[in-house]
Protein backbone atom coordinates (compact mmCIF):
# COMPACT_ATOMS: atom_id res chain seq x y z
CA UNK A 1 0.00 0.00 0.00
CA UNK A 2 1.29 3.43 -0.92
CA UNK A 3 1.11 5.76 2.07
CA UNK A 4 2.02 8.99 0.30
CA UNK A 5 -0.54 11.75 0.76
CA UNK A 6 -0.99 15.24 -0.56
CA UNK A 7 -1.14 18.17 1.85
CA UNK A 8 -4.95 18.10 2.13
CA UNK A 9 -4.95 14.37 2.90
CA UNK A 10 -2.31 14.88 5.59
CA UNK A 11 -4.54 17.51 7.21
CA UNK A 12 -7.53 15.16 7.05
CA UNK A 13 -5.44 12.33 8.52
CA UNK A 14 -4.26 14.48 11.42
CA UNK A 15 -7.81 15.72 11.95
CA UNK A 16 -9.22 12.20 12.19
CA UNK A 17 -6.34 10.96 14.35
CA UNK A 18 -6.98 13.79 16.81
CA UNK A 19 -10.58 12.59 17.17
CA UNK A 20 -9.40 9.04 17.90
CA UNK A 21 -6.93 10.41 20.44
CA UNK A 22 -9.71 12.27 22.23
CA UNK A 23 -12.00 9.23 22.13
CA UNK A 24 -9.56 6.49 23.14
CA UNK A 25 -6.48 8.29 24.46
CA UNK A 26 -3.23 8.69 22.53
CA UNK A 27 -1.74 5.56 24.11
CA UNK A 28 -4.59 3.40 22.80
CA UNK A 29 -4.38 4.22 19.09
CA UNK A 30 -3.94 0.99 17.14
CA UNK A 31 -2.46 0.38 13.71
CA UNK A 32 -5.99 -0.46 12.57
CA UNK A 33 -7.17 2.98 13.69
CA UNK A 34 -4.26 4.63 11.88
CA UNK A 35 -5.11 2.69 8.73
CA UNK A 36 -8.77 3.67 9.10
CA UNK A 37 -7.76 7.35 9.38
CA UNK A 38 -5.49 7.01 6.34
CA UNK A 39 -8.29 5.51 4.26
CA UNK A 40 -10.69 8.23 5.39
CA UNK A 41 -8.11 10.93 4.64
CA UNK A 42 -7.58 9.83 1.04
CA UNK A 43 -11.31 9.35 0.43
CA UNK A 44 -13.70 11.99 -0.82
CA UNK A 45 -15.54 12.01 2.51
CA UNK A 46 -15.81 15.31 4.31
CA UNK A 47 -17.19 16.40 7.65
CA UNK A 48 -18.85 19.72 8.30
CA UNK A 49 -19.48 19.45 12.04
CA UNK A 50 -18.27 22.37 14.09
CA UNK A 51 -18.25 20.95 17.62
CA UNK A 52 -15.50 18.55 18.70
CA UNK A 53 -18.02 16.28 20.38
CA UNK A 54 -19.97 15.94 17.13
CA UNK A 55 -16.79 15.25 15.19
CA UNK A 56 -15.65 12.64 17.70
CA UNK A 57 -18.98 10.82 17.57
CA UNK A 58 -18.90 10.92 13.76
CA UNK A 59 -15.58 9.05 13.75
CA UNK A 60 -16.68 6.72 16.55
CA UNK A 61 -19.76 5.75 14.54
CA UNK A 62 -17.67 5.13 11.40
CA UNK A 63 -15.20 3.07 13.44
CA UNK A 64 -17.98 0.99 15.03
CA UNK A 65 -19.54 0.38 11.61
CA UNK A 66 -16.21 -0.93 10.33
CA UNK A 67 -15.80 -3.22 13.36
CA UNK A 68 -19.26 -4.69 12.91
CA UNK A 69 -18.86 -5.43 9.19
């Protein structure tokens, strides 16, 4: 897998990783979570929420959907 990202994807990756850090704590971020954030960052998906809590729950829901599939 090629892990090179453009500047916008890097911003999206960092954005999503910060949500996972708030949700689970920085010491509990797994490689699977990092891969999930990478895939989200290079996708066309966007988020328009303005509150951190809303953003965190958005990523938690996406993560739970992936775990259950």
